[in-house]
């Protein structure tokens, strides 16, 4: 008999994989239960709704990203700007690997759900916003370090961090639309040119 924690984990992982490969709307509770090999009663024992499950899935996505990418890119002993480049490169490699496995550019799981649900599901929108805020903070701190060390001119690091996320999310979306991960490599060099000046330096 499967343990309580094993059943919970199978439901969570099944939802994570199905939603990422398809969409929130296209994945129902029945499909999640079938994939996890559990009955609906077990599903509702752990989660009151698909929405609640998806919020937990978003936490799982972030943990995966932290363990597979962020911890390596931002704690690698590299110079600040090298860390950012490694972060972008690792995301590109991940999208390319997924494309090789599935034949599809699946995109950013956070961006996917923001596009699908931000105007229709406030709790999920808030959870996605929290993820982007955490990522923006991490990039801002890295830019602050680069500026303090003299490797970067005086910029608005908060606004630049947000601009970098916006640029990369847009690049991932374009790669998904074309189903071509090579677009990410083509667009990567321009990311190094993105700078938002402090407001007192803008004419």
C-alpha atoms as a PDB file:
ATOM      1  CA  UNK A   1       0.000   0.000   0.000  1.00  0.00           C
ATOM      2  CA  UNK A   2       1.302   3.433  -0.942  1.00  0.00           C
ATOM      3  CA  UNK A   3       2.129   5.709   1.954  1.00  0.00           C
ATOM      4  CA  UNK A   4       0.313   8.981   2.502  1.00  0.00           C
ATOM      5  CA  UNK A   5       3.370  10.978   1.463  1.00  0.00           C
ATOM      6  CA  UNK A   6       3.904   8.821  -1.635  1.00  0.00           C
ATOM      7  CA  UNK A   7       0.310   9.354  -2.771  1.00  0.00           C
ATOM      8  CA  UNK A   8       0.576  13.104  -2.223  1.00  0.00           C
ATOM      9  CA  UNK A   9       3.828  13.258  -4.163  1.00  0.00           C
ATOM     10  CA  UNK A  10       2.454  11.264  -7.091  1.00  0.00           C
ATOM     11  CA  UNK A  11      -0.541  13.583  -7.372  1.00  0.00           C
ATOM     12  CA  UNK A  12       1.717  16.632  -7.216  1.00  0.00           C
ATOM     13  CA  UNK A  13       4.207  15.325  -9.782  1.00  0.00           C
ATOM     14  CA  UNK A  14       1.466  14.146 -12.127  1.00  0.00           C
ATOM     15  CA  UNK A  15      -0.199  17.558 -12.077  1.00  0.00           C
ATOM     16  CA  UNK A  16       3.147  19.288 -12.536  1.00  0.00           C
ATOM     17  CA  UNK A  17       4.015  17.246 -15.636  1.00  0.00           C
ATOM     18  CA  UNK A  18       0.547  17.329 -17.203  1.00  0.00           C
ATOM     19  CA  UNK A  19      -0.042  21.058 -16.752  1.00  0.00           C
ATOM     20  CA  UNK A  20       3.419  21.941 -18.046  1.00  0.00           C
ATOM     21  CA  UNK A  21       3.012  19.757 -21.133  1.00  0.00           C
ATOM     22  CA  UNK A  22      -0.502  21.041 -21.866  1.00  0.00           C
ATOM     23  CA  UNK A  23      -2.360  23.740 -19.933  1.00  0.00           C
ATOM     24  CA  UNK A  24      -4.310  24.305 -16.750  1.00  0.00           C
ATOM     25  CA  UNK A  25      -7.636  24.243 -18.581  1.00  0.00           C
ATOM     26  CA  UNK A  26      -6.914  21.022 -20.461  1.00  0.00           C
ATOM     27  CA  UNK A  27      -5.891  19.013 -17.402  1.00  0.00           C
ATOM     28  CA  UNK A  28      -8.745  17.814 -15.230  1.00  0.00           C
ATOM     29  CA  UNK A  29      -8.778  16.084 -11.873  1.00  0.00           C
ATOM     30  CA  UNK A  30      -9.635  12.774 -13.557  1.00  0.00           C
ATOM     31  CA  UNK A  31      -6.538  12.944 -15.775  1.00  0.00           C
ATOM     32  CA  UNK A  32      -4.337  13.791 -12.806  1.00  0.00           C
ATOM     33  CA  UNK A  33      -5.742  10.875 -10.818  1.00  0.00           C
ATOM     34  CA  UNK A  34      -5.264   8.502 -13.745  1.00  0.00           C
ATOM     35  CA  UNK A  35      -1.653   9.603 -14.210  1.00  0.00           C
ATOM     36  CA  UNK A  36      -0.971   9.303 -10.470  1.00  0.00           C
ATOM     37  CA  UNK A  37      -2.881   6.005 -10.240  1.00  0.00           C
ATOM     38  CA  UNK A  38      -5.057   7.229  -7.386  1.00  0.00           C
ATOM     39  CA  UNK A  39      -8.784   7.558  -6.814  1.00  0.00           C
ATOM     40  CA  UNK A  40     -10.527  10.925  -6.689  1.00  0.00           C
ATOM     41  CA  UNK A  41     -11.122  10.430  -2.994  1.00  0.00           C
ATOM     42  CA  UNK A  42      -7.371  10.447  -2.453  1.00  0.00           C
ATOM     43  CA  UNK A  43      -7.052  13.615  -4.514  1.00  0.00           C
ATOM     44  CA  UNK A  44      -9.631  15.471  -2.430  1.00  0.00           C
ATOM     45  CA  UNK A  45      -8.087  14.151   0.759  1.00  0.00           C
ATOM     46  CA  UNK A  46      -5.007  16.243  -0.015  1.00  0.00           C
ATOM     47  CA  UNK A  47      -6.404  19.104  -2.113  1.00  0.00           C
ATOM     48  CA  UNK A  48      -9.738  20.893  -1.995  1.00  0.00           C
ATOM     49  CA  UNK A  49      -9.529  21.853  -5.674  1.00  0.00           C
ATOM     50  CA  UNK A  50      -7.370  21.846  -8.794  1.00  0.00           C
ATOM     51  CA  UNK A  51      -6.578  25.475  -8.004  1.00  0.00           C
ATOM     52  CA  UNK A  52      -5.110  24.575  -4.618  1.00  0.00           C
ATOM     53  CA  UNK A  53      -3.104  21.779  -6.228  1.00  0.00           C
ATOM     54  CA  UNK A  54      -1.774  24.152  -8.896  1.00  0.00           C
ATOM     55  CA  UNK A  55      -0.539  26.590  -6.262  1.00  0.00           C
ATOM     56  CA  UNK A  56       1.416  23.693  -4.738  1.00  0.00           C
ATOM     57  CA  UNK A  57       2.634  22.772  -8.226  1.00  0.00           C
ATOM     58  CA  UNK A  58       4.001  26.304  -8.641  1.00  0.00           C
ATOM     59  CA  UNK A  59       5.977  25.842  -5.434  1.00  0.00           C
ATOM     60  CA  UNK A  60       7.330  22.599  -6.891  1.00  0.00           C
ATOM     61  CA  UNK A  61       8.286  24.327 -10.135  1.00  0.00           C
ATOM     62  CA  UNK A  62      10.249  26.903  -8.143  1.00  0.00           C
ATOM     63  CA  UNK A  63      12.016  24.256  -6.046  1.00  0.00           C
ATOM     64  CA  UNK A  64      12.968  22.440  -9.257  1.00  0.00           C
ATOM     65  CA  UNK A  65      14.292  25.649 -10.802  1.00  0.00           C
ATOM     66  CA  UNK A  66      16.223  26.504  -7.644  1.00  0.00           C
ATOM     67  CA  UNK A  67      17.848  23.076  -7.378  1.00  0.00           C
ATOM     68  CA  UNK A  68      18.521  22.569 -11.088  1.00  0.00           C
ATOM     69  CA  UNK A  69      19.473  26.106 -12.128  1.00  0.00           C
ATOM     70  CA  UNK A  70      19.531  28.900  -9.544  1.00  0.00           C
ATOM     71  CA  UNK A  71      21.738  27.188  -6.958  1.00  0.00           C
ATOM     72  CA  UNK A  72      24.303  26.408  -9.651  1.00  0.00           C
ATOM     73  CA  UNK A  73      24.191  29.693 -11.540  1.00  0.00           C
ATOM     74  CA  UNK A  74      24.117  32.091  -8.602  1.00  0.00           C
ATOM     75  CA  UNK A  75      26.313  30.237  -6.116  1.00  0.00           C
ATOM     76  CA  UNK A  76      29.102  29.177  -8.419  1.00  0.00           C
ATOM     77  CA  UNK A  77      31.905  31.532  -7.398  1.00  0.00           C
ATOM     78  CA  UNK A  78      31.607  33.342 -10.715  1.00  0.00           C
ATOM     79  CA  UNK A  79      31.658  37.099 -11.143  1.00  0.00           C
ATOM     80  CA  UNK A  80      28.170  38.654 -10.953  1.00  0.00           C
ATOM     81  CA  UNK A  81      27.678  39.183 -14.700  1.00  0.00           C
ATOM     82  CA  UNK A  82      29.036  35.705 -15.394  1.00  0.00           C
ATOM     83  CA  UNK A  83      26.395  34.322 -13.022  1.00  0.00           C
ATOM     84  CA  UNK A  84      23.639  35.983 -15.026  1.00  0.00           C
ATOM     85  CA  UNK A  85      25.040  34.598 -18.264  1.00  0.00           C
ATOM     86  CA  UNK A  86      25.228  31.133 -16.721  1.00  0.00           C
ATOM     87  CA  UNK A  87      21.624  31.447 -15.569  1.00  0.00           C
ATOM     88  CA  UNK A  88      20.448  32.312 -19.084  1.00  0.00           C
ATOM     89  CA  UNK A  89      22.576  29.564 -20.611  1.00  0.00           C
ATOM     90  CA  UNK A  90      21.229  26.931 -18.220  1.00  0.00           C
ATOM     91  CA  UNK A  91      17.634  27.924 -18.988  1.00  0.00           C
ATOM     92  CA  UNK A  92      18.374  27.681 -22.716  1.00  0.00           C
ATOM     93  CA  UNK A  93      19.979  24.262 -22.238  1.00  0.00           C
ATOM     94  CA  UNK A  94      16.952  23.081 -20.264  1.00  0.00           C
ATOM     95  CA  UNK A  95      14.497  24.253 -22.935  1.00  0.00           C
ATOM     96  CA  UNK A  96      16.639  22.620 -25.632  1.00  0.00           C
ATOM     97  CA  UNK A  97      16.729  19.354 -23.681  1.00  0.00           C
ATOM     98  CA  UNK A  98      12.949  19.374 -23.232  1.00  0.00           C
ATOM     99  CA  UNK A  99      12.561  20.026 -26.961  1.00  0.00           C
ATOM    100  CA  UNK A 100      14.763  17.021 -27.761  1.00  0.00           C
ATOM    101  CA  UNK A 101      12.657  14.828 -25.463  1.00  0.00           C
ATOM    102  CA  UNK A 102       9.186  16.024 -26.464  1.00  0.00           C
ATOM    103  CA  UNK A 103       9.501  17.754 -29.823  1.00  0.00           C
ATOM    104  CA  UNK A 104       8.062  20.910 -28.279  1.00  0.00           C
ATOM    105  CA  UNK A 105       9.327  24.076 -26.649  1.00  0.00           C
ATOM    106  CA  UNK A 106       7.189  23.971 -23.510  1.00  0.00           C
ATOM    107  CA  UNK A 107       8.200  27.426 -22.320  1.00  0.00           C
ATOM    108  CA  UNK A 108       8.355  28.846 -18.818  1.00  0.00           C
ATOM    109  CA  UNK A 109       5.887  27.133 -16.458  1.00  0.00           C
ATOM    110  CA  UNK A 110       5.343  30.403 -14.586  1.00  0.00           C
ATOM    111  CA  UNK A 111       4.883  32.447 -17.740  1.00  0.00           C
ATOM    112  CA  UNK A 112       2.547  29.825 -19.169  1.00  0.00           C
ATOM    113  CA  UNK A 113       0.220  30.017 -16.183  1.00  0.00           C
ATOM    114  CA  UNK A 114       0.427  33.813 -16.041  1.00  0.00           C
ATOM    115  CA  UNK A 115      -0.672  34.043 -19.672  1.00  0.00           C
ATOM    116  CA  UNK A 116      -3.485  31.566 -19.155  1.00  0.00           C
ATOM    117  CA  UNK A 117      -4.834  32.548 -15.752  1.00  0.00           C
ATOM    118  CA  UNK A 118      -3.667  35.995 -14.584  1.00  0.00           C
ATOM    119  CA  UNK A 119      -6.976  37.652 -15.463  1.00  0.00           C
ATOM    120  CA  UNK A 120      -9.135  34.756 -14.249  1.00  0.00           C
ATOM    121  CA  UNK A 121      -7.578  33.308 -11.113  1.00  0.00           C
ATOM    122  CA  UNK A 122      -6.275  35.749  -8.521  1.00  0.00           C
ATOM    123  CA  UNK A 123      -4.659  33.232  -6.114  1.00  0.00           C
ATOM    124  CA  UNK A 124      -2.653  31.646  -8.931  1.00  0.00           C
ATOM    125  CA  UNK A 125      -1.737  35.081 -10.320  1.00  0.00           C
ATOM    126  CA  UNK A 126      -0.432  36.104  -6.897  1.00  0.00           C
ATOM    127  CA  UNK A 127       1.634  32.933  -6.602  1.00  0.00           C
ATOM    128  CA  UNK A 128       3.196  33.497 -10.038  1.00  0.00           C
ATOM    129  CA  UNK A 129       3.872  37.128  -9.099  1.00  0.00           C
ATOM    130  CA  UNK A 130       5.666  35.953  -5.958  1.00  0.00           C
ATOM    131  CA  UNK A 131       7.923  33.724  -8.048  1.00  0.00           C
ATOM    132  CA  UNK A 132       8.837  36.521 -10.455  1.00  0.00           C
ATOM    133  CA  UNK A 133       9.445  38.862  -7.513  1.00  0.00           C
ATOM    134  CA  UNK A 134      11.851  36.357  -5.948  1.00  0.00           C
ATOM    135  CA  UNK A 135      13.686  35.970  -9.229  1.00  0.00           C
ATOM    136  CA  UNK A 136      13.806  39.733  -9.737  1.00  0.00           C
ATOM    137  CA  UNK A 137      15.294  40.169  -6.261  1.00  0.00           C
ATOM    138  CA  UNK A 138      17.965  37.571  -6.987  1.00  0.00           C
ATOM    139  CA  UNK A 139      18.940  39.288 -10.237  1.00  0.00           C
ATOM    140  CA  UNK A 140      18.867  42.733  -8.584  1.00  0.00           C
ATOM    141  CA  UNK A 141      21.263  41.591  -5.853  1.00  0.00           C
ATOM    142  CA  UNK A 142      23.581  40.219  -8.536  1.00  0.00           C
ATOM    143  CA  UNK A 143      23.483  43.503 -10.450  1.00  0.00           C
ATOM    144  CA  UNK A 144      24.126  45.408  -7.211  1.00  0.00           C
ATOM    145  CA  UNK A 145      27.256  43.294  -6.680  1.00  0.00           C
ATOM    146  CA  UNK A 146      28.427  43.945 -10.229  1.00  0.00           C
ATOM    147  CA  UNK A 147      27.912  47.678  -9.792  1.00  0.00           C
ATOM    148  CA  UNK A 148      29.714  47.719  -6.432  1.00  0.00           C
ATOM    149  CA  UNK A 149      32.709  45.890  -7.920  1.00  0.00           C
ATOM    150  CA  UNK A 150      32.948  48.313 -10.827  1.00  0.00           C
ATOM    151  CA  UNK A 151      31.957  45.742 -13.447  1.00  0.00           C
ATOM    152  CA  UNK A 152      28.750  47.618 -14.199  1.00  0.00           C
ATOM    153  CA  UNK A 153      27.962  51.293 -14.622  1.00  0.00           C
ATOM    154  CA  UNK A 154      25.428  53.085 -12.418  1.00  0.00           C
ATOM    155  CA  UNK A 155      21.977  51.772 -13.296  1.00  0.00           C
ATOM    156  CA  UNK A 156      18.603  51.234 -11.672  1.00  0.00           C
ATOM    157  CA  UNK A 157      19.228  47.617 -10.695  1.00  0.00           C
ATOM    158  CA  UNK A 158      15.629  46.908  -9.693  1.00  0.00           C
ATOM    159  CA  UNK A 159      14.209  48.153 -12.979  1.00  0.00           C
ATOM    160  CA  UNK A 160      16.975  46.452 -14.950  1.00  0.00           C
ATOM    161  CA  UNK A 161      16.293  43.142 -13.203  1.00  0.00           C
ATOM    162  CA  UNK A 162      12.627  43.440 -14.145  1.00  0.00           C
ATOM    163  CA  UNK A 163      13.549  44.341 -17.726  1.00  0.00           C
ATOM    164  CA  UNK A 164      15.826  41.306 -17.992  1.00  0.00           C
ATOM    165  CA  UNK A 165      13.046  39.006 -16.805  1.00  0.00           C
ATOM    166  CA  UNK A 166      10.616  40.611 -19.255  1.00  0.00           C
ATOM    167  CA  UNK A 167      13.094  40.212 -22.121  1.00  0.00           C
ATOM    168  CA  UNK A 168      13.819  36.586 -21.357  1.00  0.00           C
ATOM    169  CA  UNK A 169      10.166  35.672 -20.792  1.00  0.00           C
ATOM    170  CA  UNK A 170       9.384  37.254 -24.159  1.00  0.00           C
ATOM    171  CA  UNK A 171      12.210  35.321 -25.802  1.00  0.00           C
ATOM    172  CA  UNK A 172      10.926  32.055 -24.330  1.00  0.00           C
ATOM    173  CA  UNK A 173       7.409  32.862 -25.536  1.00  0.00           C
ATOM    174  CA  UNK A 174       8.710  33.554 -29.048  1.00  0.00           C
ATOM    175  CA  UNK A 175      10.672  30.296 -29.041  1.00  0.00           C
ATOM    176  CA  UNK A 176       7.513  28.492 -27.943  1.00  0.00           C
ATOM    177  CA  UNK A 177       5.440  30.126 -30.685  1.00  0.00           C
ATOM    178  CA  UNK A 178       7.993  29.081 -33.321  1.00  0.00           C
ATOM    179  CA  UNK A 179       8.679  25.762 -31.557  1.00  0.00           C
ATOM    180  CA  UNK A 180      12.361  26.509 -32.013  1.00  0.00           C
ATOM    181  CA  UNK A 181      14.711  26.668 -28.998  1.00  0.00           C
ATOM    182  CA  UNK A 182      17.542  28.043 -31.141  1.00  0.00           C
ATOM    183  CA  UNK A 183      15.759  31.412 -31.014  1.00  0.00           C
ATOM    184  CA  UNK A 184      16.841  31.680 -27.383  1.00  0.00           C
ATOM    185  CA  UNK A 185      20.505  31.382 -28.345  1.00  0.00           C
ATOM    186  CA  UNK A 186      20.027  33.960 -31.101  1.00  0.00           C
ATOM    187  CA  UNK A 187      18.515  36.481 -28.685  1.00  0.00           C
ATOM    188  CA  UNK A 188      20.798  35.880 -25.695  1.00  0.00           C
ATOM    189  CA  UNK A 189      23.543  38.397 -26.677  1.00  0.00           C
ATOM    190  CA  UNK A 190      21.099  41.311 -26.556  1.00  0.00           C
ATOM    191  CA  UNK A 191      20.335  40.618 -22.891  1.00  0.00           C
ATOM    192  CA  UNK A 192      23.799  41.889 -21.965  1.00  0.00           C
ATOM    193  CA  UNK A 193      22.892  45.287 -23.420  1.00  0.00           C
ATOM    194  CA  UNK A 194      19.781  45.834 -21.307  1.00  0.00           C
ATOM    195  CA  UNK A 195      20.281  48.681 -18.855  1.00  0.00           C
ATOM    196  CA  UNK A 196      17.764  50.961 -17.145  1.00  0.00           C
ATOM    197  CA  UNK A 197      19.390  54.189 -15.993  1.00  0.00           C
ATOM    198  CA  UNK A 198      18.451  55.803 -12.671  1.00  0.00           C
ATOM    199  CA  UNK A 199      15.566  58.225 -13.118  1.00  0.00           C
ATOM    200  CA  UNK A 200      17.797  61.228 -12.385  1.00  0.00           C
ATOM    201  CA  UNK A 201      19.997  60.309 -15.367  1.00  0.00           C
ATOM    202  CA  UNK A 202      17.196  59.984 -17.888  1.00  0.00           C
ATOM    203  CA  UNK A 203      16.827  63.058 -20.097  1.00  0.00           C
END
